[in-house]
Amino acid sequence: MNENCNLKLYEIKTNGNLKDEEEQEYISIRDKIIQLQVNNPNLKIDETLIARLSKNKDTNIKQILKKLKLDSEGYGKINDLLKDDNLEEIMVINDKNPVYVYHREMGMMITNITLDNNEIRQIIEKIANEVQRKIDKQTPLLDARLADGSRINATIPPVTPDGPTLTIRKFKKTPITIFDLIKTNTLSSHLAAFLWMITEGMNSYSSNIIIAGGTGSGKTTTLNCICSFIPPYERVITIEDTMELQINHKHIIRCETRPPNIENKGEITMDMLLKNSLRQRPDKLIVGEVRSKEANTLFGALNTGHSGMGTLHANSSHETIVRLNNPPMNVPKIMINSIDFIVMQKRLYNNKKGSIRRITEVVEVTGMESDTLQLNKIYEYDPNNDKIEFHAISCNVLNKIANMNGFSYKDVLDEIDKREKYLMEVLENDLENIDNAEEIINNYYDKQNN
């Protein structure tokens, strides 16, 4: 345990620390190697080369070579953290404090890794170069991603006077599926089957869904999982500031915004991408996070018959509507009516389980009455028994799906029960192949047709 706090220690055995004199020697050798590589890009960097370039006979050649490889091929001391699939977040706050991590099971932890300002800047600049972005005093903020999809946010002075900072939101190598959400009790199996029904709509009506919640509540993960219910014949277009969605769909176009260059030109905004996507014949529009005027374009598209989903920062279904209706989004209430469902998700603290993520309510937007949007609560979370329960007496979308298919309302409810049973059977019997949720969902239709 760390003496300054009650956080558990996440320890890296080989953190690559050098003594002060070795650090100076390392910098000198590194600079010489960079100069040599100008004339010989294929220069072999090994112990022999380090020994030849070293001025000090007592230099720890193996340790310097290891640090060189970490810095050139990886991301220095945090390289081992990036390889750990159990870590959700890596947080570097300054050179005076150790690196923090958020563990998927243990929660917030403190590491035995410390970085000086030069090391932090070196990692940040390497990431910036990889994504062809620039971070300097004129543009001291960096929002980017690594090759594996991990999201990066970095800052440097003057916006963070205490020094450079780095936050890395990691994603599991194997994407989280709807089955993982059921296993972790983020949602119930019945709610999973309901989301399947309203997303696929029995080939007749695909719902428009907004997933709302606070930072780190799991909105993007849930959106990813719901997308496994999109039929394979639909054309999907995603639009994000920084690509986070990991949708395993064959017919998909992924779009990402671009900040302005040094001359303040060349910016590609979400609104521009969204307008352009409407010319690409999308069946499903997915916006990574609705923040600004792109909300008007999105809702304009939904009102003209396009189907869409997205995430939004809000703490309740009522707040979701208020945020959409006010600056900077300014979506008219009559257009907000194009949403079918608002799915609320929160990160909560449970005395027994610690930090948990739960879908806390699902509400249906049923229409307008006296300039007020009417909401119908379909599911509600009960913290006392840690369950989300089905409360709806009726549901307009389910009625619409029933009418368009010539079924009764009860037929649609029975189909949801059948899908729930199928999901639970998969969880109980097919754990080895559970990662490919899309294939499992499609197998359900094959079984129904045979």
Protein backbone atom coordinates (compact mmCIF):
# COMPACT_ATOMS: atom_id res chain seq x y z
CA MET A 1 0.00 0.00 0.00
CA ASN A 2 1.15 3.55 -0.67
CA GLU A 3 1.74 5.65 2.46
CA ASN A 4 -0.12 8.63 0.99
CA CYS A 5 -3.40 6.89 0.18
CA ASN A 6 -5.45 3.71 0.52
CA LEU A 7 -5.15 2.75 -3.14
CA LYS A 8 -3.82 -0.69 -3.92
CA LEU A 9 -0.42 -0.91 -5.59
CA TYR A 10 -0.06 -2.04 -9.19
CA GLU A 11 3.58 -3.05 -9.38
CA ILE A 12 5.75 -3.39 -12.48
CA LYS A 13 8.87 -5.38 -11.69
CA THR A 14 10.98 -4.07 -14.55
CA ASN A 15 10.27 -0.36 -14.82
CA GLY A 16 13.53 0.62 -16.54
CA ASN A 17 14.76 3.24 -14.05
CA LEU A 18 18.30 4.55 -14.54
CA LYS A 19 20.54 6.30 -12.06
CA ASP A 20 21.12 10.02 -12.63
CA GLU A 21 24.57 9.55 -14.20
CA GLU A 22 23.26 6.67 -16.33
CA GLU A 23 20.36 8.86 -17.48
CA GLN A 24 22.82 11.47 -18.77
CA GLU A 25 24.83 8.75 -20.48
CA TYR A 26 21.62 7.34 -22.00
CA ILE A 27 20.67 10.75 -23.44
CA SER A 28 24.16 11.16 -24.92
CA ILE A 29 24.10 7.68 -26.52
CA ARG A 30 20.56 8.15 -27.82
CA ASP A 31 21.51 11.44 -29.52
CA LYS A 32 24.54 9.82 -31.15
CA ILE A 33 22.41 6.94 -32.45
CA ILE A 34 19.90 9.39 -33.95
CA GLN A 35 22.78 11.11 -35.81
CA LEU A 36 24.14 7.77 -37.06
CA GLN A 37 20.69 6.72 -38.28
CA VAL A 38 20.54 9.75 -40.61
CA ASN A 39 23.22 8.12 -42.81
CA ASN A 40 22.38 4.51 -41.92
CA PRO A 41 18.62 3.95 -41.35
CA ASN A 42 19.22 0.20 -40.94
CA LEU A 43 21.73 0.68 -38.13
CA LYS A 44 21.81 -2.34 -35.83
CA ILE A 45 21.39 -1.23 -32.22
CA ASP A 46 22.94 -3.80 -29.87
CA GLU A 47 25.23 -4.04 -26.83
CA THR A 48 28.33 -3.73 -29.02
CA LEU A 49 27.13 -0.39 -30.43
CA ILE A 50 26.19 0.88 -26.94
CA ALA A 51 29.62 -0.07 -25.58
CA ARG A 52 31.37 1.71 -28.48
CA LEU A 53 29.36 4.91 -27.97
CA SER A 54 29.59 4.92 -24.18
CA LYS A 55 32.13 7.17 -22.46
CA ASN A 56 31.83 5.39 -19.11
CA LYS A 57 33.13 1.84 -18.71
CA ASP A 58 30.83 1.27 -15.72
CA THR A 59 27.68 2.00 -17.74
CA ASN A 60 24.88 -0.57 -17.39
CA ILE A 61 24.81 -1.40 -21.12
CA LYS A 62 21.94 -3.91 -20.87
CA GLN A 63 19.70 -1.44 -19.03
CA ILE A 64 20.44 1.36 -21.51
CA LEU A 65 19.76 -0.96 -24.47
CA LYS A 66 16.45 -2.00 -22.89
CA LYS A 67 15.41 1.63 -22.38
CA LEU A 68 16.41 2.47 -25.97
CA LYS A 69 14.17 -0.32 -27.28
CA LEU A 70 11.30 0.74 -25.04
CA ASP A 71 11.56 4.33 -26.21
CA SER A 72 12.00 3.51 -29.90
CA GLU A 73 9.61 0.57 -30.29
CA GLY A 74 7.12 1.26 -27.51
CA TYR A 75 6.13 3.96 -25.07
CA GLY A 76 8.88 3.85 -22.46
CA LYS A 77 8.07 2.87 -18.90
CA ILE A 78 4.31 2.64 -19.51
CA ASN A 79 4.75 0.01 -22.24
CA ASP A 80 3.91 -2.89 -19.89
CA LEU A 81 0.77 -1.07 -18.73
CA LEU A 82 -0.44 -0.78 -22.32
CA LYS A 83 -0.04 -4.54 -22.76
CA ASP A 84 -2.21 -5.41 -19.73
CA ASP A 85 -5.75 -6.14 -20.93
CA ASN A 86 -7.05 -5.79 -17.35
CA LEU A 87 -6.33 -2.05 -17.31
CA GLU A 88 -9.02 0.33 -18.45
CA GLU A 89 -7.23 3.64 -17.98
CA ILE A 90 -3.63 4.85 -17.60
CA MET A 91 -3.21 8.29 -16.02
CA VAL A 92 -0.01 10.36 -15.91
CA ILE A 93 -0.69 13.56 -13.94
CA ASN A 94 2.81 15.08 -13.58
CA ASP A 95 6.43 14.26 -12.75
CA LYS A 96 5.86 14.61 -8.99
CA ASN A 97 3.38 11.75 -8.69
CA PRO A 98 3.45 8.10 -9.77
CA VAL A 99 1.36 6.86 -12.68
CA TYR A 100 -2.23 5.84 -11.77
CA VAL A 101 -4.24 3.10 -13.45
CA TYR A 102 -7.88 2.03 -13.38
CA HIS A 103 -8.10 -1.76 -13.15
CA ARG A 104 -11.22 -3.47 -14.55
CA GLU A 105 -11.69 -5.45 -11.31
CA MET A 106 -9.66 -3.60 -8.64
CA GLY A 107 -10.68 -0.05 -9.56
CA MET A 108 -8.27 2.86 -9.13
CA MET A 109 -4.70 1.79 -8.32
CA ILE A 110 -1.32 3.47 -7.91
CA THR A 111 1.78 2.16 -9.69
CA ASN A 112 5.48 2.12 -8.84
CA ILE A 113 6.23 3.96 -12.09
CA THR A 114 7.32 7.59 -12.12
CA LEU A 115 8.11 9.64 -15.21
CA ASP A 116 10.04 12.90 -15.44
CA ASN A 117 8.75 15.71 -17.66
CA ASN A 118 11.10 14.79 -20.52
CA GLU A 119 9.84 11.19 -20.52
CA ILE A 120 6.20 12.32 -20.51
CA ARG A 121 6.82 14.77 -23.36
CA GLN A 122 8.70 12.12 -25.32
CA ILE A 123 5.73 9.72 -25.14
CA ILE A 124 3.25 12.48 -26.04
CA GLU A 125 5.31 13.68 -29.01
CA LYS A 126 5.76 10.13 -30.28
CA ILE A 127 1.98 9.62 -30.22
CA ALA A 128 1.44 13.00 -31.92
CA ASN A 129 3.89 12.07 -34.69
CA GLU A 130 2.18 8.70 -35.23
CA VAL A 131 -1.19 10.37 -35.83
CA GLN A 132 0.35 13.29 -37.74
CA ARG A 133 -0.79 15.84 -35.19
CA LYS A 134 1.11 18.63 -33.49
CA ILE A 135 1.24 19.55 -29.81
CA ASP A 136 3.03 22.76 -28.79
CA LYS A 137 2.36 26.04 -26.95
CA GLN A 138 -0.01 27.18 -29.70
CA THR A 139 -1.93 23.85 -29.65
CA PRO A 140 -1.35 22.46 -26.13
CA LEU A 141 -4.14 19.85 -26.33
CA LEU A 142 -4.00 16.49 -28.10
CA ASP A 143 -6.95 14.16 -28.62
CA ALA A 144 -5.83 11.10 -30.58
CA ARG A 145 -5.69 7.31 -30.61
CA LEU A 146 -3.10 4.54 -30.74
CA ALA A 147 -2.97 1.90 -33.46
CA ASP A 148 -4.87 -0.53 -31.19
CA GLY A 149 -7.73 1.98 -30.83
CA SER A 150 -6.83 3.21 -27.34
CA ARG A 151 -7.95 6.82 -26.85
CA ILE A 152 -5.33 9.41 -25.91
CA ASN A 153 -5.74 12.79 -24.28
CA ALA A 154 -2.59 14.82 -23.60
CA THR A 155 -1.98 18.33 -22.33
CA ILE A 156 1.13 20.46 -21.91
CA PRO A 157 1.78 23.87 -20.32
CA PRO A 158 0.35 26.48 -20.31
CA VAL A 159 -3.05 24.70 -20.02
CA THR A 160 -1.60 22.40 -17.30
CA PRO A 161 0.92 24.59 -15.42
CA ASP A 162 2.21 21.67 -13.29
CA GLY A 163 3.56 19.92 -16.37
CA PRO A 164 2.48 17.60 -19.21
CA THR A 165 -0.32 15.10 -18.58
CA LEU A 166 -1.38 11.95 -20.38
CA THR A 167 -4.60 9.93 -20.11
CA ILE A 168 -5.02 6.70 -22.07
CA ARG A 169 -8.43 5.00 -22.32
CA LYS A 170 -7.64 1.39 -23.23
CA PHE A 171 -9.91 -1.08 -24.96
CA LYS A 172 -9.86 -4.82 -24.49
CA LYS A 173 -8.12 -6.77 -27.26
CA THR A 174 -11.28 -8.85 -27.45
CA PRO A 175 -14.21 -6.38 -27.59
CA ILE A 176 -16.81 -6.56 -24.83
CA THR A 177 -20.05 -8.13 -26.08
CA ILE A 178 -23.67 -8.08 -24.98
CA PHE A 179 -22.97 -11.38 -23.20
CA ASP A 180 -20.29 -9.68 -21.07
CA LEU A 181 -22.78 -6.96 -20.11
CA ILE A 182 -25.27 -9.64 -19.02
CA LYS A 183 -22.59 -11.51 -17.04
CA THR A 184 -21.48 -8.33 -15.24
CA ASN A 185 -25.13 -7.39 -14.58
CA THR A 186 -24.78 -4.09 -16.46
CA LEU A 187 -28.12 -5.06 -17.96
CA SER A 188 -30.50 -7.99 -17.62
CA SER A 189 -30.96 -10.74 -20.19
CA HIS A 190 -34.53 -9.51 -20.74
CA LEU A 191 -33.32 -5.96 -21.44
CA ALA A 192 -30.69 -7.37 -23.84
CA ALA A 193 -33.47 -9.19 -25.73
CA PHE A 194 -35.59 -6.02 -25.72
CA LEU A 195 -32.69 -3.96 -27.16
CA TRP A 196 -32.24 -6.67 -29.79
CA MET A 197 -35.90 -6.37 -30.73
CA ILE A 198 -35.98 -2.56 -31.01
CA THR A 199 -32.65 -2.39 -32.89
CA GLU A 200 -33.48 -5.07 -35.47
CA GLY A 201 -37.23 -4.36 -35.39
CA MET A 202 -38.17 -7.68 -37.01
CA ASN A 203 -37.11 -6.18 -40.37
CA SER A 204 -39.88 -3.60 -40.17
CA TYR A 205 -38.94 -0.77 -37.81
CA SER A 206 -35.46 0.00 -36.42
CA SER A 207 -35.57 2.36 -33.44
CA ASN A 208 -33.59 5.56 -32.91
CA ILE A 209 -31.69 5.27 -29.64
CA ILE A 210 -29.71 7.74 -27.51
CA ILE A 211 -27.47 6.26 -24.79
CA ALA A 212 -26.88 8.89 -22.12
CA GLY A 213 -24.74 8.97 -19.00
CA GLY A 214 -21.77 10.50 -17.26
CA THR A 215 -18.08 10.20 -18.10
CA GLY A 216 -16.81 6.63 -17.72
CA SER A 217 -20.31 5.19 -17.27
CA GLY A 218 -19.85 2.79 -20.21
CA LYS A 219 -22.01 4.50 -22.86
CA THR A 220 -19.69 3.71 -25.76
CA THR A 221 -19.27 0.09 -24.67
CA THR A 222 -23.04 -0.38 -24.49
CA LEU A 223 -23.48 1.26 -27.90
CA ASN A 224 -20.87 -1.13 -29.29
CA CYS A 225 -22.76 -4.10 -27.88
CA ILE A 226 -26.16 -2.95 -29.15
CA CYS A 227 -24.65 -2.62 -32.65
CA SER A 228 -24.19 -6.41 -32.75
CA PHE A 229 -27.99 -6.54 -33.25
CA ILE A 230 -27.83 -4.53 -36.51
CA PRO A 231 -28.76 -6.85 -39.41
CA PRO A 232 -25.80 -7.72 -41.70
CA TYR A 233 -27.58 -6.37 -44.79
CA GLU A 234 -27.69 -2.81 -43.41
CA ARG A 235 -25.16 -0.13 -44.40
CA VAL A 236 -23.67 1.48 -41.29
CA ILE A 237 -21.82 4.82 -41.08
CA THR A 238 -20.11 5.87 -37.85
CA ILE A 239 -18.97 9.41 -37.06
CA GLU A 240 -16.65 10.19 -34.14
CA ASP A 241 -14.23 12.82 -32.88
CA THR A 242 -11.76 10.07 -32.00
CA MET A 243 -12.56 6.54 -33.15
CA GLU A 244 -13.64 4.42 -30.18
CA LEU A 245 -16.42 2.26 -31.59
CA GLN A 246 -15.39 -1.31 -32.39
CA ILE A 247 -18.32 -2.50 -34.47
CA ASN A 248 -17.85 -5.92 -36.06
CA HIS A 249 -20.01 -5.22 -39.10
CA LYS A 250 -18.98 -5.97 -42.69
CA HIS A 251 -20.78 -3.12 -44.46
CA ILE A 252 -19.48 -0.17 -42.43
CA ILE A 253 -17.83 3.19 -43.15
CA ARG A 254 -15.94 4.72 -40.22
CA CYS A 255 -15.45 8.51 -40.22
CA GLU A 256 -13.29 10.63 -37.92
CA THR A 257 -13.06 14.41 -37.48
CA ARG A 258 -9.86 16.34 -38.17
CA PRO A 259 -8.66 19.46 -36.30
CA PRO A 260 -7.44 22.55 -38.20
CA ASN A 261 -3.78 22.73 -39.24
CA ILE A 262 -1.22 25.34 -38.15
CA GLU A 263 -2.77 27.84 -40.57
CA ASN A 264 -6.21 27.16 -39.03
CA LYS A 265 -7.37 25.44 -42.21
CA GLY A 266 -8.51 21.95 -43.17
CA GLU A 267 -10.80 21.30 -40.20
CA ILE A 268 -13.36 18.49 -40.68
CA THR A 269 -16.14 18.71 -38.10
CA MET A 270 -18.71 16.12 -37.03
CA ASP A 271 -21.43 18.21 -38.65
CA MET A 272 -19.56 18.16 -41.99
CA LEU A 273 -19.09 14.38 -41.78
CA LEU A 274 -22.73 13.87 -40.85
CA LYS A 275 -23.98 15.97 -43.77
CA ASN A 276 -21.66 14.07 -46.11
CA SER A 277 -22.84 10.69 -44.76
CA LEU A 278 -26.42 11.48 -45.83
CA ARG A 279 -25.18 11.30 -49.44
CA GLN A 280 -23.83 7.78 -48.87
CA ARG A 281 -27.18 5.99 -48.52
CA PRO A 282 -26.85 4.92 -44.88
CA ASP A 283 -29.27 2.51 -43.26
CA LYS A 284 -27.89 3.29 -39.81
CA LEU A 285 -26.11 6.47 -38.67
CA ILE A 286 -24.09 6.17 -35.47
CA VAL A 287 -22.63 9.28 -33.85
CA GLY A 288 -19.95 8.58 -31.25
CA GLU A 289 -20.90 11.51 -29.06
CA VAL A 290 -23.47 14.22 -29.77
CA ARG A 291 -22.16 17.54 -28.44
CA SER A 292 -22.89 20.54 -30.63
CA LYS A 293 -24.63 21.67 -33.83
CA GLU A 294 -24.23 18.21 -35.41
CA ALA A 295 -27.23 17.31 -33.19
CA ASN A 296 -29.47 19.39 -35.48
CA THR A 297 -28.18 17.61 -38.58
CA LEU A 298 -28.60 14.21 -36.92
CA PHE A 299 -32.18 14.89 -35.84
CA GLY A 300 -32.95 16.36 -39.22
CA ALA A 301 -31.82 13.04 -40.73
CA LEU A 302 -33.88 11.03 -38.22
CA ASN A 303 -36.96 13.10 -39.06
CA THR A 304 -36.55 12.30 -42.76
CA GLY A 305 -36.61 8.55 -42.20
CA HIS A 306 -32.99 7.65 -41.49
CA SER A 307 -32.28 5.39 -38.52
CA GLY A 308 -29.64 6.35 -35.98
CA MET A 309 -27.99 5.90 -32.62
CA GLY A 310 -25.59 7.94 -30.54
CA THR A 311 -24.28 8.79 -27.08
CA LEU A 312 -24.68 11.95 -25.05
CA HIS A 313 -23.46 13.26 -21.69
CA ALA A 314 -26.41 13.60 -19.29
CA ASN A 315 -27.48 12.35 -15.86
CA SER A 316 -31.16 11.61 -16.52
CA SER A 317 -33.62 11.22 -19.38
CA HIS A 318 -35.10 14.64 -18.57
CA GLU A 319 -31.63 16.24 -18.64
CA THR A 320 -30.95 14.52 -21.98
CA ILE A 321 -33.95 16.31 -23.52
CA VAL A 322 -33.04 19.64 -21.87
CA ARG A 323 -29.47 19.42 -23.21
CA LEU A 324 -30.69 18.61 -26.72
CA ASN A 325 -33.20 21.46 -26.63
CA ASN A 326 -30.73 24.14 -25.47
CA PRO A 327 -27.41 25.62 -26.70
CA PRO A 328 -25.11 24.52 -28.18
CA MET A 329 -27.33 21.78 -29.69
CA ASN A 330 -30.58 23.75 -30.07
CA VAL A 331 -32.67 20.85 -31.39
CA PRO A 332 -36.38 21.87 -31.57
CA LYS A 333 -38.63 19.74 -29.36
CA ILE A 334 -40.66 18.63 -32.35
CA MET A 335 -37.48 17.11 -33.84
CA ILE A 336 -36.42 15.48 -30.54
CA ASN A 337 -39.65 13.52 -30.91
CA SER A 338 -37.82 11.42 -33.54
CA ILE A 339 -35.96 9.61 -30.73
CA ASP A 340 -37.65 6.37 -29.81
CA PHE A 341 -35.68 5.47 -26.68
CA ILE A 342 -33.28 7.04 -24.19
CA VAL A 343 -31.08 4.49 -22.41
CA MET A 344 -29.55 5.88 -19.20
CA GLN A 345 -26.31 4.39 -17.89
CA LYS A 346 -24.40 5.27 -14.70
CA ARG A 347 -21.31 4.31 -12.79
CA LEU A 348 -22.43 3.61 -9.22
CA TYR A 349 -20.78 2.57 -5.98
CA ASN A 350 -21.97 -0.63 -4.32
CA ASN A 351 -20.84 -1.43 -0.75
CA LYS A 352 -20.25 -5.08 -1.62
CA LYS A 353 -19.13 -4.86 -5.26
CA GLY A 354 -17.36 -1.51 -5.32
CA SER A 355 -17.61 0.54 -8.52
CA ILE A 356 -20.25 -0.88 -10.89
CA ARG A 357 -21.79 0.19 -14.20
CA ARG A 358 -25.52 -0.22 -14.65
CA ILE A 359 -28.22 0.76 -17.11
CA THR A 360 -30.54 2.56 -14.72
CA GLU A 361 -33.54 3.26 -16.93
CA VAL A 362 -34.91 2.93 -20.43
CA VAL A 363 -37.58 5.44 -21.41
CA GLU A 364 -39.61 5.69 -24.58
CA VAL A 365 -40.36 9.09 -26.14
CA THR A 366 -44.04 8.69 -27.00
CA GLY A 367 -44.91 12.10 -28.48
CA MET A 368 -45.74 15.73 -27.73
CA GLU A 369 -48.52 17.07 -25.55
CA SER A 370 -48.89 20.82 -24.88
CA ASP A 371 -45.31 21.47 -26.01
CA THR A 372 -44.02 18.82 -23.60
CA LEU A 373 -42.37 15.59 -24.65
CA GLN A 374 -44.10 12.58 -23.12
CA LEU A 375 -41.94 9.79 -21.69
CA ASN A 376 -42.92 6.20 -20.98
CA LYS A 377 -40.66 4.36 -18.55
CA ILE A 378 -39.96 0.88 -19.91
CA TYR A 379 -37.23 -0.32 -17.50
CA GLU A 380 -36.07 0.97 -14.12
CA TYR A 381 -33.10 -0.03 -11.96
CA ASP A 382 -33.71 -1.10 -8.35
CA PRO A 383 -30.50 -0.52 -6.31
CA ASN A 384 -31.81 -2.59 -3.40
CA ASN A 385 -31.66 -5.87 -5.34
CA ASP A 386 -29.24 -4.63 -8.05
CA LYS A 387 -31.66 -5.45 -10.87
CA ILE A 388 -33.25 -3.57 -13.74
CA GLU A 389 -36.90 -4.49 -14.10
CA PHE A 390 -39.43 -4.32 -16.95
CA HIS A 391 -42.19 -1.85 -15.99
CA ALA A 392 -43.98 -1.06 -19.24
CA ILE A 393 -47.71 -1.66 -19.43
CA SER A 394 -47.47 -0.85 -23.14
CA CYS A 395 -44.79 0.26 -25.60
CA ASN A 396 -45.53 2.23 -28.77
CA VAL A 397 -42.54 0.85 -30.71
CA LEU A 398 -43.43 -2.76 -29.90
CA ASN A 399 -47.01 -2.05 -30.99
CA LYS A 400 -45.68 -0.55 -34.23
CA ILE A 401 -43.48 -3.61 -34.87
CA ALA A 402 -46.45 -5.88 -34.18
CA ASN A 403 -48.80 -3.99 -36.53
CA MET A 404 -46.23 -3.82 -39.36
CA ASN A 405 -45.71 -7.60 -39.17
CA GLY A 406 -49.36 -8.56 -38.68
CA PHE A 407 -48.71 -9.80 -35.14
CA SER A 408 -50.36 -9.10 -31.81
CA TYR A 409 -48.58 -7.15 -29.07
CA LYS A 410 -48.35 -10.39 -27.09
CA ASP A 411 -46.63 -12.10 -30.05
CA VAL A 412 -43.84 -9.50 -29.91
CA LEU A 413 -43.47 -9.91 -26.14
CA ASP A 414 -43.28 -13.67 -26.63
CA GLU A 415 -40.55 -13.17 -29.26
CA ILE A 416 -38.56 -11.07 -26.75
CA ASP A 417 -38.89 -13.93 -24.24
CA LYS A 418 -37.65 -16.42 -26.89
CA ARG A 419 -34.65 -14.22 -27.63
CA GLU A 420 -33.89 -13.88 -23.92
CA LYS A 421 -33.99 -17.68 -23.56
CA TYR A 422 -31.61 -18.01 -26.53
CA LEU A 423 -29.14 -15.51 -25.04
CA MET A 424 -29.14 -17.36 -21.72
CA GLU A 425 -28.64 -20.72 -23.45
CA VAL A 426 -25.60 -19.29 -25.25
CA LEU A 427 -24.21 -17.99 -21.95
CA GLU A 428 -24.65 -21.38 -20.32
CA ASN A 429 -23.45 -23.63 -23.15
CA ASP A 430 -21.24 -21.79 -25.65
CA LEU A 431 -18.67 -19.86 -23.61
CA GLU A 432 -15.80 -20.68 -25.99
CA ASN A 433 -17.36 -18.88 -28.98
CA ILE A 434 -19.04 -16.09 -27.03
CA ASP A 435 -16.73 -13.36 -28.40
CA ASN A 436 -18.37 -13.34 -31.85
CA ALA A 437 -21.72 -11.88 -30.82
CA GLU A 438 -22.75 -10.99 -34.38
CA GLU A 439 -22.40 -14.59 -35.55
CA ILE A 440 -24.32 -15.86 -32.51
CA ILE A 441 -27.16 -13.41 -33.19
CA ASN A 442 -27.30 -14.43 -36.87
CA ASN A 443 -27.39 -18.12 -35.85
CA TYR A 444 -30.67 -17.40 -34.05
CA TYR A 445 -32.34 -16.48 -37.34
CA ASP A 446 -30.94 -19.59 -39.02
CA LYS A 447 -32.46 -21.76 -36.30
CA GLN A 448 -35.81 -20.00 -36.65
CA ASN A 449 -35.85 -20.58 -40.42
CA ASN A 450 -35.00 -24.31 -40.16
